[in-house]
């Protein structure tokens, strides 16, 4: 055995454990990047694309992209959460006959994410599930549930008490319940949330929505 062969084996033996340790980190970095692409795509469609049919077509493409991530990263909460959020957005824009079916699909996807990690995305899984439970009508027409919704919304607030989304949606919920004073408090807190330079389109769009709701709660 030559000196070079020995040296090569020593290098490989040393490098293998290091590469094995780095691979999960690299995979997580790839997942974060892939999930952010869906996140940014959703914000672009929601806040920048005009025209209902154009938005619907763009959401259909984004849903395929999100579903690909679910398959690529099995057992991970964030891809499931964003697949659910995109499906929920499709439900918002669907006609009467498809709305409930899409909302139910979104609920099931987000519930899977929540079961994996209730605190995923700074409480985003709990928040998104809570939003669906108060936005969808209750029985006998559907499965909406205000009691379950408020429990999930409060759980999300406990995870991210100063967040833009958590405070916005709790304010929205309170306004829907007729509690204008409570809604104002949470919407004002939402607007005091730190700006997120990594998600500028979402940040600006959600703040516009918060200001619009605040004017209705005045």
C-alpha atoms as a PDB file:
ATOM      1  CA  UNK A   1       0.000   0.000   0.000  1.00  0.00           C
ATOM      2  CA  UNK A   2       1.477   3.351  -1.019  1.00  0.00           C
ATOM      3  CA  UNK A   3       1.834   6.403   1.188  1.00  0.00           C
ATOM      4  CA  UNK A   4      -0.663   8.263  -1.055  1.00  0.00           C
ATOM      5  CA  UNK A   5      -3.304   5.527  -0.672  1.00  0.00           C
ATOM      6  CA  UNK A   6      -2.903   5.630   3.096  1.00  0.00           C
ATOM      7  CA  UNK A   7      -3.223   9.408   3.116  1.00  0.00           C
ATOM      8  CA  UNK A   8      -6.336   9.280   0.944  1.00  0.00           C
ATOM      9  CA  UNK A   9      -8.012   6.820   3.311  1.00  0.00           C
ATOM     10  CA  UNK A  10      -7.151   8.930   6.341  1.00  0.00           C
ATOM     11  CA  UNK A  11      -8.629  12.037   4.668  1.00  0.00           C
ATOM     12  CA  UNK A  12     -11.809  10.181   3.685  1.00  0.00           C
ATOM     13  CA  UNK A  13     -12.191   8.682   7.164  1.00  0.00           C
ATOM     14  CA  UNK A  14     -11.833  12.147   8.696  1.00  0.00           C
ATOM     15  CA  UNK A  15     -14.100  13.899   6.202  1.00  0.00           C
ATOM     16  CA  UNK A  16     -16.978  11.392   6.215  1.00  0.00           C
ATOM     17  CA  UNK A  17     -18.308  12.195   9.720  1.00  0.00           C
ATOM     18  CA  UNK A  18     -17.941  15.920   9.031  1.00  0.00           C
ATOM     19  CA  UNK A  19     -19.932  15.647   5.784  1.00  0.00           C
ATOM     20  CA  UNK A  20     -22.590  13.564   7.536  1.00  0.00           C
ATOM     21  CA  UNK A  21     -22.920  16.244  10.197  1.00  0.00           C
ATOM     22  CA  UNK A  22     -23.194  19.025   7.619  1.00  0.00           C
ATOM     23  CA  UNK A  23     -25.787  17.345   5.375  1.00  0.00           C
ATOM     24  CA  UNK A  24     -28.810  17.833   7.700  1.00  0.00           C
ATOM     25  CA  UNK A  25     -27.895  21.501   8.125  1.00  0.00           C
ATOM     26  CA  UNK A  26     -27.613  21.932   4.359  1.00  0.00           C
ATOM     27  CA  UNK A  27     -30.951  20.165   3.848  1.00  0.00           C
ATOM     28  CA  UNK A  28     -32.625  22.441   6.396  1.00  0.00           C
ATOM     29  CA  UNK A  29     -31.136  25.487   4.685  1.00  0.00           C
ATOM     30  CA  UNK A  30     -32.499  24.253   1.345  1.00  0.00           C
ATOM     31  CA  UNK A  31     -35.924  23.692   2.916  1.00  0.00           C
ATOM     32  CA  UNK A  32     -35.958  27.176   4.437  1.00  0.00           C
ATOM     33  CA  UNK A  33     -35.080  28.667   1.054  1.00  0.00           C
ATOM     34  CA  UNK A  34     -37.728  26.603  -0.750  1.00  0.00           C
ATOM     35  CA  UNK A  35     -40.404  27.484   1.821  1.00  0.00           C
ATOM     36  CA  UNK A  36     -39.510  31.188   1.598  1.00  0.00           C
ATOM     37  CA  UNK A  37     -39.987  31.041  -2.177  1.00  0.00           C
ATOM     38  CA  UNK A  38     -43.581  29.826  -1.627  1.00  0.00           C
ATOM     39  CA  UNK A  39     -44.054  32.417   1.119  1.00  0.00           C
ATOM     40  CA  UNK A  40     -42.849  35.220  -1.166  1.00  0.00           C
ATOM     41  CA  UNK A  41     -44.947  33.871  -4.047  1.00  0.00           C
ATOM     42  CA  UNK A  42     -48.053  33.965  -1.868  1.00  0.00           C
ATOM     43  CA  UNK A  43     -47.337  37.569  -0.826  1.00  0.00           C
ATOM     44  CA  UNK A  44     -46.767  38.611  -4.452  1.00  0.00           C
ATOM     45  CA  UNK A  45     -50.068  37.062  -5.571  1.00  0.00           C
ATOM     46  CA  UNK A  46     -52.016  38.401  -2.595  1.00  0.00           C
ATOM     47  CA  UNK A  47     -50.727  41.952  -2.565  1.00  0.00           C
ATOM     48  CA  UNK A  48     -49.263  42.743  -5.990  1.00  0.00           C
ATOM     49  CA  UNK A  49     -51.071  40.768  -8.713  1.00  0.00           C
ATOM     50  CA  UNK A  50     -54.286  42.389  -9.938  1.00  0.00           C
ATOM     51  CA  UNK A  51     -57.308  40.616 -11.368  1.00  0.00           C
ATOM     52  CA  UNK A  52     -59.179  37.691  -9.876  1.00  0.00           C
ATOM     53  CA  UNK A  53     -58.577  35.215 -12.720  1.00  0.00           C
ATOM     54  CA  UNK A  54     -54.860  36.089 -12.882  1.00  0.00           C
ATOM     55  CA  UNK A  55     -54.559  35.572  -9.137  1.00  0.00           C
ATOM     56  CA  UNK A  56     -56.413  32.246  -9.350  1.00  0.00           C
ATOM     57  CA  UNK A  57     -54.097  30.927 -12.080  1.00  0.00           C
ATOM     58  CA  UNK A  58     -51.021  32.072 -10.158  1.00  0.00           C
ATOM     59  CA  UNK A  59     -52.306  30.388  -6.985  1.00  0.00           C
ATOM     60  CA  UNK A  60     -52.883  27.132  -8.890  1.00  0.00           C
ATOM     61  CA  UNK A  61     -49.228  27.141  -9.951  1.00  0.00           C
ATOM     62  CA  UNK A  62     -48.052  28.062  -6.461  1.00  0.00           C
ATOM     63  CA  UNK A  63     -50.132  25.229  -4.964  1.00  0.00           C
ATOM     64  CA  UNK A  64     -48.285  22.754  -7.224  1.00  0.00           C
ATOM     65  CA  UNK A  65     -44.973  24.222  -6.069  1.00  0.00           C
ATOM     66  CA  UNK A  66     -46.030  23.954  -2.411  1.00  0.00           C
ATOM     67  CA  UNK A  67     -47.199  20.349  -2.835  1.00  0.00           C
ATOM     68  CA  UNK A  68     -43.845  19.472  -4.382  1.00  0.00           C
ATOM     69  CA  UNK A  69     -42.146  20.731  -1.213  1.00  0.00           C
ATOM     70  CA  UNK A  70     -44.408  18.558   0.960  1.00  0.00           C
ATOM     71  CA  UNK A  71     -43.218  15.527  -1.013  1.00  0.00           C
ATOM     72  CA  UNK A  72     -39.580  16.697  -1.000  1.00  0.00           C
ATOM     73  CA  UNK A  73     -39.466  17.226   2.775  1.00  0.00           C
ATOM     74  CA  UNK A  74     -41.697  14.527   4.286  1.00  0.00           C
ATOM     75  CA  UNK A  75     -42.568  14.908   7.952  1.00  0.00           C
ATOM     76  CA  UNK A  76     -41.606  18.595   8.072  1.00  0.00           C
ATOM     77  CA  UNK A  77     -44.123  21.112   9.398  1.00  0.00           C
ATOM     78  CA  UNK A  78     -43.253  24.225   7.371  1.00  0.00           C
ATOM     79  CA  UNK A  79     -43.924  22.816   3.857  1.00  0.00           C
ATOM     80  CA  UNK A  80     -47.265  21.421   5.069  1.00  0.00           C
ATOM     81  CA  UNK A  81     -48.133  24.751   6.674  1.00  0.00           C
ATOM     82  CA  UNK A  82     -47.444  26.713   3.505  1.00  0.00           C
ATOM     83  CA  UNK A  83     -49.252  24.206   1.311  1.00  0.00           C
ATOM     84  CA  UNK A  84     -52.221  24.757   3.637  1.00  0.00           C
ATOM     85  CA  UNK A  85     -51.912  28.549   3.526  1.00  0.00           C
ATOM     86  CA  UNK A  86     -51.850  28.549  -0.286  1.00  0.00           C
ATOM     87  CA  UNK A  87     -54.868  26.219  -0.359  1.00  0.00           C
ATOM     88  CA  UNK A  88     -56.646  28.490   2.108  1.00  0.00           C
ATOM     89  CA  UNK A  89     -55.993  31.433  -0.208  1.00  0.00           C
ATOM     90  CA  UNK A  90     -57.465  29.396  -3.060  1.00  0.00           C
ATOM     91  CA  UNK A  91     -60.549  28.799  -0.897  1.00  0.00           C
ATOM     92  CA  UNK A  92     -60.873  32.559  -0.282  1.00  0.00           C
ATOM     93  CA  UNK A  93     -61.096  33.161  -4.016  1.00  0.00           C
ATOM     94  CA  UNK A  94     -63.070  30.074  -5.052  1.00  0.00           C
ATOM     95  CA  UNK A  95     -66.732  29.999  -6.028  1.00  0.00           C
ATOM     96  CA  UNK A  96     -69.376  28.776  -3.573  1.00  0.00           C
ATOM     97  CA  UNK A  97     -69.248  25.152  -4.764  1.00  0.00           C
ATOM     98  CA  UNK A  98     -65.474  24.769  -4.269  1.00  0.00           C
ATOM     99  CA  UNK A  99     -64.908  27.033  -1.251  1.00  0.00           C
ATOM    100  CA  UNK A 100     -65.648  24.544   1.536  1.00  0.00           C
ATOM    101  CA  UNK A 101     -63.762  21.666  -0.124  1.00  0.00           C
ATOM    102  CA  UNK A 102     -60.618  23.783  -0.459  1.00  0.00           C
ATOM    103  CA  UNK A 103     -60.980  25.152   3.081  1.00  0.00           C
ATOM    104  CA  UNK A 104     -61.258  21.580   4.399  1.00  0.00           C
ATOM    105  CA  UNK A 105     -58.150  20.543   2.454  1.00  0.00           C
ATOM    106  CA  UNK A 106     -56.302  23.563   3.886  1.00  0.00           C
ATOM    107  CA  UNK A 107     -57.423  22.662   7.407  1.00  0.00           C
ATOM    108  CA  UNK A 108     -56.175  19.090   7.028  1.00  0.00           C
ATOM    109  CA  UNK A 109     -52.771  20.197   5.709  1.00  0.00           C
ATOM    110  CA  UNK A 110     -52.287  22.771   8.472  1.00  0.00           C
ATOM    111  CA  UNK A 111     -53.528  20.327  11.120  1.00  0.00           C
ATOM    112  CA  UNK A 112     -50.770  17.920  10.020  1.00  0.00           C
ATOM    113  CA  UNK A 113     -48.201  20.711  10.368  1.00  0.00           C
ATOM    114  CA  UNK A 114     -49.603  21.579  13.796  1.00  0.00           C
ATOM    115  CA  UNK A 115     -49.415  17.923  14.908  1.00  0.00           C
ATOM    116  CA  UNK A 116     -45.729  17.825  13.919  1.00  0.00           C
ATOM    117  CA  UNK A 117     -44.850  21.143  15.594  1.00  0.00           C
ATOM    118  CA  UNK A 118     -47.508  23.409  17.171  1.00  0.00           C
ATOM    119  CA  UNK A 119     -44.931  26.230  17.366  1.00  0.00           C
ATOM    120  CA  UNK A 120     -43.828  25.957  13.722  1.00  0.00           C
ATOM    121  CA  UNK A 121     -43.156  29.293  12.008  1.00  0.00           C
ATOM    122  CA  UNK A 122     -43.409  31.223  15.298  1.00  0.00           C
ATOM    123  CA  UNK A 123     -46.863  29.855  15.997  1.00  0.00           C
ATOM    124  CA  UNK A 124     -47.955  30.098  12.366  1.00  0.00           C
ATOM    125  CA  UNK A 125     -49.462  26.612  12.381  1.00  0.00           C
ATOM    126  CA  UNK A 126     -51.675  27.390  15.388  1.00  0.00           C
ATOM    127  CA  UNK A 127     -52.535  30.815  13.961  1.00  0.00           C
ATOM    128  CA  UNK A 128     -53.472  29.578  10.475  1.00  0.00           C
ATOM    129  CA  UNK A 129     -55.576  26.776  11.911  1.00  0.00           C
ATOM    130  CA  UNK A 130     -57.317  29.207  14.258  1.00  0.00           C
ATOM    131  CA  UNK A 131     -58.064  31.586  11.382  1.00  0.00           C
ATOM    132  CA  UNK A 132     -59.717  28.797   9.396  1.00  0.00           C
ATOM    133  CA  UNK A 133     -61.865  27.809  12.387  1.00  0.00           C
ATOM    134  CA  UNK A 134     -63.309  31.310  12.739  1.00  0.00           C
ATOM    135  CA  UNK A 135     -63.530  32.164   9.029  1.00  0.00           C
ATOM    136  CA  UNK A 136     -65.387  28.992   8.020  1.00  0.00           C
ATOM    137  CA  UNK A 137     -69.069  28.875   9.052  1.00  0.00           C
ATOM    138  CA  UNK A 138     -70.068  26.589  11.916  1.00  0.00           C
ATOM    139  CA  UNK A 139     -72.469  23.658  11.850  1.00  0.00           C
ATOM    140  CA  UNK A 140     -74.816  22.606  10.358  1.00  0.00           C
ATOM    141  CA  UNK A 141     -73.266  24.145   7.224  1.00  0.00           C
ATOM    142  CA  UNK A 142     -69.607  23.402   7.956  1.00  0.00           C
ATOM    143  CA  UNK A 143     -66.998  22.758  10.659  1.00  0.00           C
ATOM    144  CA  UNK A 144     -66.152  26.289  11.857  1.00  0.00           C
ATOM    145  CA  UNK A 145     -65.723  26.539  15.627  1.00  0.00           C
ATOM    146  CA  UNK A 146     -65.173  29.843  17.477  1.00  0.00           C
ATOM    147  CA  UNK A 147     -64.197  28.119  20.717  1.00  0.00           C
ATOM    148  CA  UNK A 148     -61.467  26.135  19.001  1.00  0.00           C
ATOM    149  CA  UNK A 149     -60.449  29.206  17.007  1.00  0.00           C
ATOM    150  CA  UNK A 150     -59.862  31.437  20.018  1.00  0.00           C
ATOM    151  CA  UNK A 151     -57.856  28.735  21.794  1.00  0.00           C
ATOM    152  CA  UNK A 152     -55.535  28.404  18.788  1.00  0.00           C
ATOM    153  CA  UNK A 153     -55.265  32.169  18.259  1.00  0.00           C
ATOM    154  CA  UNK A 154     -54.285  32.660  21.901  1.00  0.00           C
ATOM    155  CA  UNK A 155     -51.732  29.870  21.602  1.00  0.00           C
ATOM    156  CA  UNK A 156     -50.198  31.633  18.600  1.00  0.00           C
ATOM    157  CA  UNK A 157     -50.146  34.918  20.535  1.00  0.00           C
ATOM    158  CA  UNK A 158     -48.354  33.217  23.426  1.00  0.00           C
ATOM    159  CA  UNK A 159     -45.676  32.009  20.980  1.00  0.00           C
ATOM    160  CA  UNK A 160     -45.319  35.347  19.159  1.00  0.00           C
ATOM    161  CA  UNK A 161     -46.870  38.029  21.403  1.00  0.00           C
ATOM    162  CA  UNK A 162     -45.546  41.016  19.443  1.00  0.00           C
ATOM    163  CA  UNK A 163     -45.994  39.631  15.941  1.00  0.00           C
ATOM    164  CA  UNK A 164     -47.746  41.440  13.109  1.00  0.00           C
ATOM    165  CA  UNK A 165     -49.832  38.448  11.996  1.00  0.00           C
ATOM    166  CA  UNK A 166     -50.729  37.144  15.467  1.00  0.00           C
ATOM    167  CA  UNK A 167     -52.030  40.513  16.633  1.00  0.00           C
ATOM    168  CA  UNK A 168     -53.689  41.335  13.307  1.00  0.00           C
ATOM    169  CA  UNK A 169     -55.703  38.133  13.206  1.00  0.00           C
ATOM    170  CA  UNK A 170     -56.700  38.281  16.866  1.00  0.00           C
ATOM    171  CA  UNK A 171     -57.876  41.843  16.237  1.00  0.00           C
ATOM    172  CA  UNK A 172     -59.783  40.645  13.175  1.00  0.00           C
ATOM    173  CA  UNK A 173     -61.392  37.882  15.228  1.00  0.00           C
ATOM    174  CA  UNK A 174     -62.438  40.302  17.992  1.00  0.00           C
ATOM    175  CA  UNK A 175     -63.890  42.734  15.453  1.00  0.00           C
ATOM    176  CA  UNK A 176     -65.927  39.885  13.925  1.00  0.00           C
ATOM    177  CA  UNK A 177     -67.238  39.199  17.443  1.00  0.00           C
ATOM    178  CA  UNK A 178     -68.277  42.846  17.847  1.00  0.00           C
ATOM    179  CA  UNK A 179     -65.518  43.743  20.334  1.00  0.00           C
ATOM    180  CA  UNK A 180     -64.307  46.972  18.734  1.00  0.00           C
ATOM    181  CA  UNK A 181     -62.258  48.146  21.721  1.00  0.00           C
ATOM    182  CA  UNK A 182     -60.418  44.835  21.954  1.00  0.00           C
ATOM    183  CA  UNK A 183     -59.897  44.781  18.198  1.00  0.00           C
ATOM    184  CA  UNK A 184     -58.397  48.286  18.260  1.00  0.00           C
ATOM    185  CA  UNK A 185     -55.908  47.285  20.967  1.00  0.00           C
ATOM    186  CA  UNK A 186     -54.618  44.275  19.030  1.00  0.00           C
ATOM    187  CA  UNK A 187     -54.592  46.020  15.651  1.00  0.00           C
ATOM    188  CA  UNK A 188     -52.605  48.911  17.109  1.00  0.00           C
ATOM    189  CA  UNK A 189     -50.183  46.386  18.592  1.00  0.00           C
ATOM    190  CA  UNK A 190     -49.913  44.706  15.191  1.00  0.00           C
ATOM    191  CA  UNK A 191     -48.879  48.014  13.639  1.00  0.00           C
ATOM    192  CA  UNK A 192     -46.199  48.436  16.316  1.00  0.00           C
ATOM    193  CA  UNK A 193     -44.630  45.091  15.375  1.00  0.00           C
ATOM    194  CA  UNK A 194     -41.032  45.253  14.070  1.00  0.00           C
ATOM    195  CA  UNK A 195     -40.789  45.512  10.292  1.00  0.00           C
ATOM    196  CA  UNK A 196     -39.588  42.362   8.544  1.00  0.00           C
ATOM    197  CA  UNK A 197     -37.037  43.371   5.912  1.00  0.00           C
ATOM    198  CA  UNK A 198     -36.846  39.775   4.631  1.00  0.00           C
ATOM    199  CA  UNK A 199     -40.573  39.814   3.681  1.00  0.00           C
ATOM    200  CA  UNK A 200     -41.244  43.398   2.531  1.00  0.00           C
ATOM    201  CA  UNK A 201     -44.293  42.666   0.346  1.00  0.00           C
ATOM    202  CA  UNK A 202     -46.107  40.754   3.101  1.00  0.00           C
ATOM    203  CA  UNK A 203     -45.056  43.306   5.742  1.00  0.00           C
ATOM    204  CA  UNK A 204     -46.424  46.274   3.804  1.00  0.00           C
ATOM    205  CA  UNK A 205     -49.561  44.443   2.676  1.00  0.00           C
ATOM    206  CA  UNK A 206     -50.506  43.183   6.138  1.00  0.00           C
ATOM    207  CA  UNK A 207     -49.990  46.651   7.633  1.00  0.00           C
ATOM    208  CA  UNK A 208     -52.368  48.116   5.039  1.00  0.00           C
ATOM    209  CA  UNK A 209     -54.951  45.513   6.033  1.00  0.00           C
ATOM    210  CA  UNK A 210     -54.423  46.296   9.716  1.00  0.00           C
ATOM    211  CA  UNK A 211     -54.954  50.018   9.106  1.00  0.00           C
ATOM    212  CA  UNK A 212     -58.111  49.287   7.079  1.00  0.00           C
ATOM    213  CA  UNK A 213     -59.508  47.129   9.898  1.00  0.00           C
ATOM    214  CA  UNK A 214     -58.543  49.732  12.471  1.00  0.00           C
ATOM    215  CA  UNK A 215     -60.640  52.327  10.623  1.00  0.00           C
ATOM    216  CA  UNK A 216     -63.627  49.938  10.809  1.00  0.00           C
ATOM    217  CA  UNK A 217     -63.058  49.412  14.533  1.00  0.00           C
ATOM    218  CA  UNK A 218     -62.907  53.152  15.161  1.00  0.00           C
END
